[in-house]
Protein backbone atom coordinates (compact mmCIF):
# COMPACT_ATOMS: atom_id res chain seq x y z
CA UNK A 1 22.70 -6.81 1.81
CA UNK A 2 20.39 -4.25 0.26
CA UNK A 3 17.41 -5.67 -1.62
CA UNK A 4 14.79 -3.85 -3.71
CA UNK A 5 11.62 -2.50 -2.12
CA UNK A 6 9.19 -5.45 -2.18
CA UNK A 7 6.76 -4.78 0.69
CA UNK A 8 3.29 -3.31 0.38
CA UNK A 9 1.99 -2.28 3.80
CA UNK A 10 -1.04 -0.78 5.45
CA UNK A 11 -1.16 2.67 7.05
CA UNK A 12 -2.61 3.25 10.50
CA UNK A 13 -4.77 6.30 9.90
CA UNK A 14 -5.99 8.99 7.49
CA UNK A 15 -3.30 11.64 8.03
CA UNK A 16 0.21 12.08 6.61
CA UNK A 17 1.64 12.11 10.12
CA UNK A 18 5.16 11.20 11.25
CA UNK A 19 4.37 7.47 11.35
CA UNK A 20 2.96 7.46 7.80
CA UNK A 21 5.97 9.38 6.52
CA UNK A 22 8.28 6.95 8.28
CA UNK A 23 6.53 4.00 6.60
CA UNK A 24 6.83 5.35 3.06
CA UNK A 25 10.43 6.46 3.69
CA UNK A 26 11.48 2.87 4.40
CA UNK A 27 13.57 1.68 1.41
CA UNK A 28 12.02 -1.79 1.80
CA UNK A 29 8.50 -0.45 1.20
CA UNK A 30 7.29 -0.41 -2.41
CA UNK A 31 3.78 0.74 -1.70
CA UNK A 32 0.81 1.14 0.60
CA UNK A 33 -2.66 -0.40 0.65
CA UNK A 34 -5.67 1.66 1.67
CA UNK A 35 -8.56 0.62 3.91
CA UNK A 36 -11.57 2.43 5.32
CA UNK A 37 -9.45 3.64 8.24
CA UNK A 38 -7.38 5.70 5.81
CA UNK A 39 -10.24 7.33 3.90
CA UNK A 40 -12.44 10.20 5.11
CA UNK A 41 -13.16 12.24 1.97
CA UNK A 42 -11.74 12.83 -1.51
CA UNK A 43 -9.81 16.00 -0.49
CA UNK A 44 -8.36 14.23 2.55
CA UNK A 45 -7.30 11.22 0.47
CA UNK A 46 -5.67 13.38 -2.20
CA UNK A 47 -3.77 15.26 0.51
CA UNK A 48 -2.62 12.04 2.18
CA UNK A 49 -1.41 10.41 -1.01
CA UNK A 50 0.04 13.61 -2.44
CA UNK A 51 2.17 14.29 0.64
CA UNK A 52 3.34 10.68 0.94
CA UNK A 53 4.26 10.57 -2.74
CA UNK A 54 6.18 13.83 -2.34
CA UNK A 55 7.97 12.41 0.70
CA UNK A 56 9.19 9.53 -1.48
CA UNK A 57 10.36 11.92 -4.17
CA UNK A 58 12.32 14.03 -1.70
CA UNK A 59 14.15 10.96 -0.47
CA UNK A 60 14.98 9.74 -3.96
CA UNK A 61 12.84 6.63 -3.66
CA UNK A 62 10.87 5.13 -6.58
CA UNK A 63 7.22 5.97 -7.27
CA UNK A 64 4.96 4.87 -4.43
CA UNK A 65 2.52 2.14 -5.46
CA UNK A 66 -0.88 2.93 -3.95
CA UNK A 67 -3.30 0.01 -3.88
CA UNK A 68 -6.94 -0.38 -2.91
CA UNK A 69 -9.59 -3.11 -3.10
CA UNK A 70 -12.14 -1.33 -5.29
CA UNK A 71 -14.02 -4.41 -6.45
CA UNK A 72 -17.54 -3.01 -6.26
CA UNK A 73 -20.23 -4.43 -4.01
CA UNK A 74 -19.27 -5.37 -0.47
CA UNK A 75 -15.54 -4.84 -1.08
CA UNK A 76 -15.39 -1.17 -2.02
CA UNK A 77 -13.00 0.88 0.08
CA UNK A 78 -13.60 4.31 -1.46
CA UNK A 79 -17.32 5.12 -1.36
CA UNK A 80 -17.21 8.90 -1.24
CA UNK A 81 -15.64 10.46 -4.28
CA UNK A 82 -15.94 7.28 -6.32
CA UNK A 83 -18.92 5.41 -7.75
CA UNK A 84 -20.21 2.58 -5.57
CA UNK A 85 -20.91 -0.12 -8.17
CA UNK A 86 -23.09 -3.03 -7.01
CA UNK A 87 -20.43 -5.69 -7.60
CA UNK A 88 -19.34 -8.60 -9.75
CA UNK A 89 -22.34 -10.86 -9.23
CA UNK A 90 -24.66 -8.08 -10.40
CA UNK A 91 -22.54 -7.74 -13.55
CA UNK A 92 -22.68 -11.50 -13.96
CA UNK A 93 -26.47 -11.57 -13.70
CA UNK A 94 -27.35 -8.87 -16.18
CA UNK A 95 -24.35 -6.89 -17.33
CA UNK A 96 -22.79 -6.87 -20.79
CA UNK A 97 -19.16 -6.94 -21.89
CA UNK A 98 -19.48 -3.28 -22.85
CA UNK A 99 -20.88 -2.34 -19.43
CA UNK A 100 -18.12 -4.26 -17.67
CA UNK A 101 -15.58 -2.26 -19.67
CA UNK A 102 -17.39 1.00 -18.85
CA UNK A 103 -17.42 0.13 -15.15
CA UNK A 104 -13.71 -0.61 -15.24
CA UNK A 105 -12.98 2.60 -17.15
CA UNK A 106 -14.99 4.73 -14.71
CA UNK A 107 -13.40 3.04 -11.68
CA UNK A 108 -9.90 3.45 -13.10
CA UNK A 109 -10.47 7.13 -13.88
CA UNK A 110 -11.89 7.83 -10.42
CA UNK A 111 -9.05 6.05 -8.64
CA UNK A 112 -6.38 7.74 -10.73
CA UNK A 113 -7.75 11.22 -9.99
CA UNK A 114 -7.54 10.40 -6.25
CA UNK A 115 -3.91 9.26 -6.46
CA UNK A 116 -4.43 5.49 -6.50
CA UNK A 117 -2.49 3.59 -9.18
CA UNK A 118 -3.13 -0.10 -8.39
CA UNK A 119 -6.57 -1.67 -8.02
CA UNK A 120 -6.66 -5.10 -6.39
CA UNK A 121 -9.54 -6.19 -8.62
CA UNK A 122 -11.27 -7.95 -10.28
CA UNK A 123 -12.03 -11.20 -8.46
CA UNK A 124 -11.99 -14.01 -11.06
CA UNK A 125 -12.85 -16.85 -8.66
CA UNK A 126 -15.89 -18.83 -9.79
CA UNK A 127 -19.04 -19.24 -7.71
CA UNK A 128 -18.37 -22.97 -7.45
CA UNK A 129 -19.76 -23.89 -4.05
CA UNK A 130 -23.07 -22.18 -3.24
CA UNK A 131 -22.59 -19.93 -0.28
CA UNK A 132 -18.78 -19.87 -0.27
CA UNK A 133 -18.30 -17.21 2.46
CA UNK A 134 -15.08 -15.85 1.01
CA UNK A 135 -16.23 -15.54 -2.60
CA UNK A 136 -20.04 -15.34 -2.74
CA UNK A 137 -21.20 -12.24 -4.65
CA UNK A 138 -17.62 -11.10 -5.21
CA UNK A 139 -17.65 -13.63 -8.07
CA UNK A 140 -19.17 -13.06 -11.53
CA UNK A 141 -20.91 -16.42 -11.11
CA UNK A 142 -20.38 -20.11 -11.88
CA UNK A 143 -19.82 -19.91 -15.66
CA UNK A 144 -16.06 -19.70 -16.46
CA UNK A 145 -16.62 -18.31 -19.96
CA UNK A 146 -18.88 -15.53 -18.73
CA UNK A 147 -16.49 -14.72 -15.87
CA UNK A 148 -13.66 -14.59 -18.43
CA UNK A 149 -15.61 -12.30 -20.77
CA UNK A 150 -16.66 -9.83 -18.07
CA UNK A 151 -13.37 -9.99 -16.17
CA UNK A 152 -11.30 -9.25 -19.26
CA UNK A 153 -13.55 -6.32 -20.17
CA UNK A 154 -13.33 -4.90 -16.65
CA UNK A 155 -9.55 -5.25 -16.75
CA UNK A 156 -9.29 -3.42 -20.09
CA UNK A 157 -11.37 -0.60 -18.66
CA UNK A 158 -9.31 -0.30 -15.48
CA UNK A 159 -6.01 -0.29 -17.38
CA UNK A 160 -7.24 2.30 -19.90
CA UNK A 161 -8.68 4.35 -17.03
CA UNK A 162 -5.19 4.87 -15.65
CA UNK A 163 -4.62 2.21 -12.98
CA UNK A 164 -3.03 -1.22 -12.94
CA UNK A 165 -5.58 -4.02 -12.56
CA UNK A 166 -5.06 -7.17 -10.48
CA UNK A 167 -6.75 -10.48 -11.27
CA UNK A 168 -7.33 -12.56 -8.16
CA UNK A 169 -7.03 -15.11 -6.57
CA UNK A 170 -4.89 -17.30 -8.88
CA UNK A 171 -5.42 -20.16 -9.67
CA UNK A 172 -8.97 -19.70 -8.31
CA UNK A 173 -10.46 -20.30 -4.86
CA UNK A 174 -14.18 -20.45 -5.58
CA UNK A 175 -14.19 -24.08 -4.43
CA UNK A 176 -12.86 -23.18 -0.96
CA UNK A 177 -15.10 -24.33 1.87
CA UNK A 178 -13.56 -22.02 4.45
CA UNK A 179 -12.54 -18.36 4.41
CA UNK A 180 -8.79 -17.84 3.96
CA UNK A 181 -9.02 -14.83 6.27
CA UNK A 182 -9.51 -17.41 9.02
CA UNK A 183 -7.69 -20.61 7.97
CA UNK A 184 -6.03 -22.38 5.04
CA UNK A 185 -8.57 -23.75 2.53
CA UNK A 186 -7.87 -26.91 0.56
CA UNK A 187 -9.09 -26.88 -3.04
CA UNK A 188 -9.78 -30.52 -3.92
CA UNK A 189 -9.73 -30.12 -7.69
CA UNK A 190 -7.78 -32.25 -10.15
CA UNK A 191 -5.31 -30.66 -12.54
CA UNK A 192 -7.77 -31.19 -15.37
CA UNK A 193 -10.63 -29.58 -13.46
CA UNK A 194 -8.52 -26.56 -12.58
CA UNK A 195 -7.30 -26.15 -16.15
CA UNK A 196 -10.78 -26.60 -17.63
CA UNK A 197 -12.67 -24.27 -15.27
CA UNK A 198 -10.80 -22.23 -12.70
CA UNK A 199 -8.00 -21.09 -15.01
CA UNK A 200 -10.28 -19.98 -17.86
CA UNK A 201 -10.85 -16.40 -16.56
CA UNK A 202 -7.18 -15.99 -15.67
CA UNK A 203 -6.05 -16.99 -19.17
CA UNK A 204 -8.35 -14.33 -20.61
CA UNK A 205 -7.03 -11.79 -18.07
CA UNK A 206 -3.47 -12.32 -19.33
CA UNK A 207 -4.66 -11.81 -22.91
CA UNK A 208 -6.44 -8.62 -21.83
CA UNK A 209 -3.16 -7.17 -20.55
CA UNK A 210 -3.69 -7.36 -16.80
CA UNK A 211 -0.77 -5.78 -14.92
CA UNK A 212 -0.83 -7.94 -11.80
CA UNK A 213 -2.03 -11.27 -10.43
CA UNK A 214 -2.77 -11.97 -6.78
CA UNK A 215 -1.98 -15.48 -5.58
CA UNK A 216 -4.53 -17.44 -3.60
CA UNK A 217 -4.03 -18.32 0.06
CA UNK A 218 -5.30 -21.85 -0.57
CA UNK A 219 -3.68 -25.25 -0.96
CA UNK A 220 -4.08 -27.26 -4.18
CA UNK A 221 -2.93 -30.82 -3.34
CA UNK A 222 -3.35 -32.02 -6.93
CA UNK A 223 -0.67 -29.55 -8.02
CA UNK A 224 1.76 -30.55 -5.27
CA UNK A 225 1.62 -34.38 -5.38
CA UNK A 226 -0.77 -34.37 -2.43
CA UNK A 227 1.23 -31.96 -0.29
CA UNK A 228 -0.69 -29.26 1.60
CA UNK A 229 1.16 -26.13 0.52
CA UNK A 230 -0.38 -22.65 0.10
CA UNK A 231 -0.19 -21.41 -3.50
CA UNK A 232 1.49 -18.37 -1.91
CA UNK A 233 4.54 -20.58 -1.31
CA UNK A 234 4.25 -22.74 -4.43
CA UNK A 235 6.83 -22.31 -7.18
CA UNK A 236 4.84 -24.82 -9.18
CA UNK A 237 1.76 -22.54 -9.15
CA UNK A 238 3.59 -19.28 -9.69
CA UNK A 239 6.43 -20.30 -12.02
CA UNK A 240 5.03 -23.27 -13.94
CA UNK A 241 1.31 -22.48 -14.15
CA UNK A 242 1.27 -18.68 -14.15
CA UNK A 243 4.55 -17.70 -15.78
CA UNK A 244 5.17 -20.64 -18.14
CA UNK A 245 1.70 -21.99 -18.96
CA UNK A 246 -0.23 -18.71 -19.06
CA UNK A 247 2.71 -16.59 -20.23
CA UNK A 248 2.18 -13.92 -17.59
CA UNK A 249 5.05 -11.44 -17.33
CA UNK A 250 3.54 -8.88 -14.96
CA UNK A 251 3.59 -8.48 -11.19
CA UNK A 252 2.72 -11.34 -8.84
CA UNK A 253 1.23 -10.07 -5.56
CA UNK A 254 0.60 -12.11 -2.43
CA UNK A 255 -2.63 -11.80 -0.53
CA UNK A 256 -2.15 -10.41 2.98
CA UNK A 257 0.54 -12.53 4.66
CA UNK A 258 -1.06 -11.75 8.01
CA UNK A 259 -4.33 -13.52 7.16
CA UNK A 260 -5.27 -16.66 9.08
CA UNK A 261 -4.44 -19.00 6.20
CA UNK A 262 -0.78 -17.98 6.52
CA UNK A 263 -0.35 -16.15 9.82
CA UNK A 264 -1.71 -19.00 11.93
CA UNK A 265 1.16 -21.29 10.87
CA UNK A 266 3.99 -19.08 9.59
CA UNK A 267 5.63 -15.95 10.92
CA UNK A 268 5.67 -12.85 8.72
CA UNK A 269 9.37 -13.12 7.99
CA UNK A 270 9.22 -16.81 7.15
CA UNK A 271 6.18 -16.22 4.93
CA UNK A 272 7.83 -13.33 3.09
CA UNK A 273 10.92 -15.41 2.28
CA UNK A 274 8.83 -18.40 1.18
CA UNK A 275 6.61 -16.25 -1.07
CA UNK A 276 9.56 -14.48 -2.70
CA UNK A 277 11.31 -17.81 -3.26
CA UNK A 278 8.18 -19.15 -4.95
CA UNK A 279 8.07 -16.27 -7.43
CA UNK A 280 6.09 -13.44 -5.82
CA UNK A 281 7.16 -9.85 -6.49
CA UNK A 282 5.09 -7.73 -4.09
CA UNK A 283 4.58 -8.94 -0.51
CA UNK A 284 1.43 -7.70 1.17
CA UNK A 285 1.22 -7.04 4.94
CA UNK A 286 -1.87 -5.00 5.67
CA UNK A 287 -2.23 -4.42 9.38
CA UNK A 288 0.45 -5.24 11.96
CA UNK A 289 3.46 -2.95 12.15
CA UNK A 290 5.47 -5.67 13.89
CA UNK A 291 4.84 -8.10 11.05
CA UNK A 292 5.99 -5.55 8.50
CA UNK A 293 9.23 -4.93 10.36
CA UNK A 294 9.82 -8.65 10.87
CA UNK A 295 9.40 -9.28 7.13
CA UNK A 296 11.87 -6.54 6.25
CA UNK A 297 14.53 -7.81 8.68
CA UNK A 298 14.14 -11.46 7.69
CA UNK A 299 14.22 -10.75 3.95
CA UNK A 300 17.39 -8.67 4.27
CA UNK A 301 19.17 -11.31 6.33
CA UNK A 302 18.04 -14.23 4.15
CA UNK A 303 19.06 -12.49 0.91
CA UNK A 304 22.57 -11.98 2.31
CA UNK A 305 22.92 -15.74 2.90
CA UNK A 306 20.99 -17.14 -0.08
CA UNK A 307 22.18 -16.08 -3.55
CA UNK A 308 19.08 -17.53 -5.23
CA UNK A 309 16.82 -15.47 -2.99
CA UNK A 310 18.87 -12.35 -3.76
CA UNK A 311 18.46 -13.09 -7.48
CA UNK A 312 14.70 -13.53 -7.03
CA UNK A 313 14.53 -10.19 -5.20
CA UNK A 314 16.47 -8.44 -7.97
CA UNK A 315 14.15 -9.90 -10.64
CA UNK A 316 11.09 -8.83 -8.64
CA UNK A 317 12.54 -5.34 -8.31
CA UNK A 318 12.97 -5.05 -12.07
CA UNK A 319 9.36 -6.11 -12.70
CA UNK A 320 8.15 -3.53 -10.17
CA UNK A 321 10.28 -0.85 -11.84
CA UNK A 322 8.69 -1.76 -15.19
CA UNK A 323 5.23 -1.36 -13.67
CA UNK A 324 6.14 2.06 -12.23
CA UNK A 325 7.44 3.20 -15.60
CA UNK A 326 4.26 1.98 -17.28
CA UNK A 327 2.12 3.88 -14.76
CA UNK A 328 4.20 7.04 -15.16
CA UNK A 329 3.69 6.94 -18.93
CA UNK A 330 -0.11 6.75 -18.74
CA UNK A 331 -2.09 9.89 -19.60
CA UNK A 332 -3.86 11.89 -16.92
CA UNK A 333 -7.34 10.50 -16.29
CA UNK A 334 -10.61 12.42 -16.50
CA UNK A 335 -13.65 11.24 -14.55
CA UNK A 336 -16.69 9.67 -16.18
CA UNK A 337 -19.96 11.59 -15.80
CA UNK A 338 -22.25 8.61 -16.41
CA UNK A 339 -20.87 6.15 -13.85
CA UNK A 340 -23.66 6.61 -11.31
CA UNK A 341 -26.31 5.99 -13.97
CA UNK A 342 -24.48 2.84 -15.10
CA UNK A 343 -24.36 1.56 -11.51
CA UNK A 344 -28.09 2.14 -11.10
CA UNK A 345 -28.94 0.45 -14.40
CA UNK A 346 -26.88 -2.61 -13.47
CA UNK A 347 -28.50 -2.84 -10.04
CA UNK A 348 -32.00 -2.61 -11.50
CA UNK A 349 -31.36 -5.19 -14.21
CA UNK A 350 -30.00 -7.74 -11.73
CA UNK A 351 -33.13 -7.70 -9.53
CA UNK A 352 -35.09 -10.96 -9.58
CA UNK A 353 -38.63 -11.75 -8.46
CA UNK A 354 -38.37 -15.47 -7.76
CA UNK A 355 -42.02 -15.71 -6.69
CA UNK A 356 -44.88 -13.48 -5.59
CA UNK A 357 -47.73 -15.86 -4.67
CA UNK A 358 -49.57 -13.29 -2.56
CA UNK A 359 -49.31 -10.45 -5.05
CA UNK A 360 -47.49 -8.24 -2.56
CA UNK A 361 -45.63 -6.28 -5.24
CA UNK A 362 -46.14 -3.38 -5.61
CA UNK A 363 -46.56 -2.50 -1.95
CA UNK A 364 -49.87 -1.05 -0.83
CA UNK A 365 -49.01 2.66 -0.46
CA UNK A 366 -51.28 3.14 2.56
CA UNK A 367 -50.21 0.09 4.56
CA UNK A 368 -47.38 0.49 7.10
CA UNK A 369 -44.26 -1.59 6.53
CA UNK A 370 -42.12 -3.42 9.08
CA UNK A 371 -38.64 -4.12 7.71
CA UNK A 372 -36.41 -6.61 9.54
CA UNK A 373 -32.78 -5.94 8.62
CA UNK A 374 -29.71 -7.98 9.57
CA UNK A 375 -26.45 -6.16 9.80
CA UNK A 376 -22.95 -6.04 11.19
CA UNK A 377 -21.12 -9.16 12.25
CA UNK A 378 -21.88 -11.17 9.15
CA UNK A 379 -19.06 -9.91 6.95
CA UNK A 380 -15.99 -11.84 5.90
CA UNK A 381 -12.60 -10.32 6.57
CA UNK A 382 -12.53 -8.67 3.15
CA UNK A 383 -15.81 -6.81 3.49
CA UNK A 384 -16.77 -3.45 4.94
CA UNK A 385 -20.18 -2.00 5.69
CA UNK A 386 -21.48 0.43 3.08
CA UNK A 387 -21.93 3.86 4.73
CA UNK A 388 -24.02 5.03 1.79
CA UNK A 389 -26.91 2.66 2.42
CA UNK A 390 -27.90 4.77 5.46
CA UNK A 391 -30.70 2.93 7.21
CA UNK A 392 -30.77 0.11 4.70
CA UNK A 393 -33.84 -0.62 2.59
CA UNK A 394 -36.01 1.24 5.12
CA UNK A 395 -34.45 4.60 4.34
CA UNK A 396 -35.06 4.23 0.61
CA UNK A 397 -38.69 3.20 1.14
CA UNK A 398 -39.21 6.20 3.42
CA UNK A 399 -37.90 8.49 0.68
CA UNK A 400 -40.61 7.07 -1.56
CA UNK A 401 -43.27 8.00 0.98
CA UNK A 402 -43.84 4.73 2.83
CA UNK A 403 -44.38 4.56 6.59
CA UNK A 404 -41.67 2.15 7.69
CA UNK A 405 -40.81 0.65 11.05
CA UNK A 406 -37.15 -0.30 10.84
CA UNK A 407 -36.06 -3.23 13.03
CA UNK A 408 -32.31 -3.87 13.04
CA UNK A 409 -30.90 -7.18 14.20
CA UNK A 410 -27.36 -8.58 14.37
CA UNK A 411 -26.23 -11.12 11.80
CA UNK A 412 -26.99 -14.01 14.16
CA UNK A 413 -29.73 -12.86 16.57
CA UNK A 414 -30.47 -14.69 19.79
CA UNK A 415 -33.99 -16.01 20.61
CA UNK A 416 -34.48 -13.05 22.96
CA UNK A 417 -33.52 -10.58 20.24
CA UNK A 418 -35.89 -12.31 17.81
CA UNK A 419 -38.77 -12.08 20.31
CA UNK A 420 -38.09 -8.40 20.88
CA UNK A 421 -37.99 -7.76 17.14
CA UNK A 422 -41.24 -9.61 16.48
CA UNK A 423 -43.01 -7.59 19.15
CA UNK A 424 -42.49 -4.49 17.01
CA UNK A 425 -44.42 -5.93 14.07
CA UNK A 426 -47.78 -4.24 13.54
CA UNK A 427 -50.74 -6.62 13.08
CA UNK A 428 -51.62 -5.14 9.67
CA UNK A 429 -48.13 -4.29 8.51
CA UNK A 430 -46.55 -5.51 5.32
CA UNK A 431 -43.48 -7.42 6.51
CA UNK A 432 -40.15 -7.42 4.66
CA UNK A 433 -37.34 -9.68 5.85
CA UNK A 434 -33.97 -8.59 4.39
CA UNK A 435 -31.51 -11.45 4.86
CA UNK A 436 -27.72 -11.28 4.72
CA UNK A 437 -26.26 -14.78 4.36
CA UNK A 438 -29.04 -16.50 6.31
CA UNK A 439 -27.65 -19.84 5.13
CA UNK A 440 -24.67 -19.16 7.44
CA UNK A 441 -26.53 -17.92 10.52
CA UNK A 442 -28.98 -19.94 12.56
CA UNK A 443 -30.51 -16.83 14.09
CA UNK A 444 -31.62 -15.54 10.70
CA UNK A 445 -33.09 -18.93 9.83
CA UNK A 446 -35.01 -18.99 13.13
CA UNK A 447 -36.35 -15.53 12.36
CA UNK A 448 -37.57 -16.72 8.97
CA UNK A 449 -39.37 -19.63 10.62
CA UNK A 450 -41.02 -17.36 13.21
CA UNK A 451 -42.43 -15.00 10.57
CA UNK A 452 -44.84 -17.59 9.24
CA UNK A 453 -45.40 -19.42 5.97
CA UNK A 454 -47.06 -16.67 3.91
CA UNK A 455 -47.72 -12.95 3.57
CA UNK A 456 -44.04 -11.95 3.96
CA UNK A 457 -41.61 -10.44 1.45
CA UNK A 458 -38.20 -12.09 1.71
CA UNK A 459 -35.34 -10.17 0.11
CA UNK A 460 -32.02 -12.01 -0.17
CA UNK A 461 -29.67 -9.03 -0.23
CA UNK A 462 -26.47 -10.94 -0.76
CA UNK A 463 -26.01 -14.63 -1.53
CA UNK A 464 -28.93 -15.93 -3.63
CA UNK A 465 -28.82 -19.18 -1.67
CA UNK A 466 -30.89 -17.47 1.04
CA UNK A 467 -34.03 -17.53 -1.12
CA UNK A 468 -34.14 -21.33 -0.86
CA UNK A 469 -34.80 -20.87 2.86
CA UNK A 470 -37.91 -18.75 2.33
CA UNK A 471 -41.27 -20.57 2.75
CA UNK A 472 -43.21 -21.23 -0.46
CA UNK A 473 -45.88 -18.73 0.48
CA UNK A 474 -43.42 -15.85 0.69
CA UNK A 475 -42.65 -13.33 -2.01
CA UNK A 476 -38.97 -14.04 -2.79
CA UNK A 477 -36.63 -11.38 -4.20
CA UNK A 478 -32.92 -11.36 -5.10
CA UNK A 479 -30.64 -8.31 -5.35
CA UNK A 480 -27.17 -9.97 -5.52
CA UNK A 481 -25.77 -6.98 -3.63
CA UNK A 482 -26.51 -5.24 -0.30
CA UNK A 483 -24.96 -1.86 -1.17
CA UNK A 484 -26.85 1.39 -1.44
CA UNK A 485 -27.42 1.45 -5.19
CA UNK A 486 -28.99 -2.04 -5.06
CA UNK A 487 -31.18 -1.21 -2.07
CA UNK A 488 -32.40 1.89 -3.88
CA UNK A 489 -33.31 -0.23 -6.89
CA UNK A 490 -35.09 -2.73 -4.64
CA UNK A 491 -37.16 0.05 -3.09
CA UNK A 492 -38.21 1.21 -6.56
CA UNK A 493 -39.18 -2.35 -7.48
CA UNK A 494 -41.30 -2.69 -4.32
CA UNK A 495 -42.97 0.64 -5.09
CA UNK A 496 -43.87 -0.48 -8.60
CA UNK A 497 -41.37 1.80 -10.31
CA UNK A 498 -39.55 -1.12 -11.93
CA UNK A 499 -41.43 -3.81 -13.82
CA UNK A 500 -40.12 -7.35 -13.42
CA UNK A 501 -41.70 -10.66 -14.41
CA UNK A 502 -41.42 -13.74 -12.21
């Protein structure tokens, strides 16, 4: 039995080669999702998407949905040819509703001019548990009303900018204690707690006209009479809560069915059938070609034997057709010229001086600086390293004329690596320790302890929880984002170019 195209799949590389053309020519494929491996430059990306879209047209297939995670901050796939905004938590700390709308508008316009028509953003999960590794600075913060205000404004901007926005991860996974890229989280919230907090931003997203919702790979026992069932497979979550209670009529998208929360216990075909049966419209499989083919085969066979599944597939196909028609009717986007300035203003306003007991800010312009920087290995499965930050904070300080000794360490350095790093510290240097989720990594915490109790600048570049680990005698700074625009703002603050009160 033939069913509508319901799969969204990843591509293997950056070129419109035979394999890429084969993928988009598959009648079961509704769209593709882009990652860093697919993106080299704006001209290359336009060529890739233009040729794949034309391949679909030649074969008489519907408009190709092209998705990307362009959240801002650590989850920003397109960094060349699009503005690298510092992220949701920066907006939450100092941004306004108007600026959130402007960011969404600029992002939508930039994506549309590159050939992208579906943005898998914004994240509307609340910063409920300090240091949640999956959410962290991807969240607007802990306040549901503020997250709702900013999220709705960002959504309006994205939609008016020419792309479909996606609110995620319904019904909210900020209270997850583990990363769903690795295993299935259990959200131990009552129905009343979920309705009163987690759902607030999603209600506002529906009112703002969001085109799509991504379902959380987490279990909500309170919604399933104690049963441990991923929301991805829950008709109660998707039909009752999202469709009936919130009145959402747009597209329901799964998170990647290959992630650990699902893939460790269910095969791709089994997961695709379960998600479609629960109410999902677009089934996401980002990486493994074998999983994509398994899902297609299993869906086709199951729909032939199960009339209700065939009906669900037909209904999903109609909703996807409506989205394509909506996208086709949108006017051609023009790029914003002020997006980079907006990103810089947001990054600067979010900076916080928690304490400066030694008066180390601004830096002494004649004293050398040793900057300890923690890097790769600390990211969650959703995150990618920002190529625009160059050498991290060090490179921005050097541009301002400082003599900087850059010392790079892994996310969780060994005692030997710490000793080697400390040996490079000059006896009269100003020391800056730039942490990245030190609360998660014992090596970073050991490094903090070895640097002494005073005379050090500690910069928490990501989760603000890190600043609690800094000794009282340290200067403590928060950026809420480790991407280039925030590091540039931090360098200006350290140089005295930005005035901030404690």
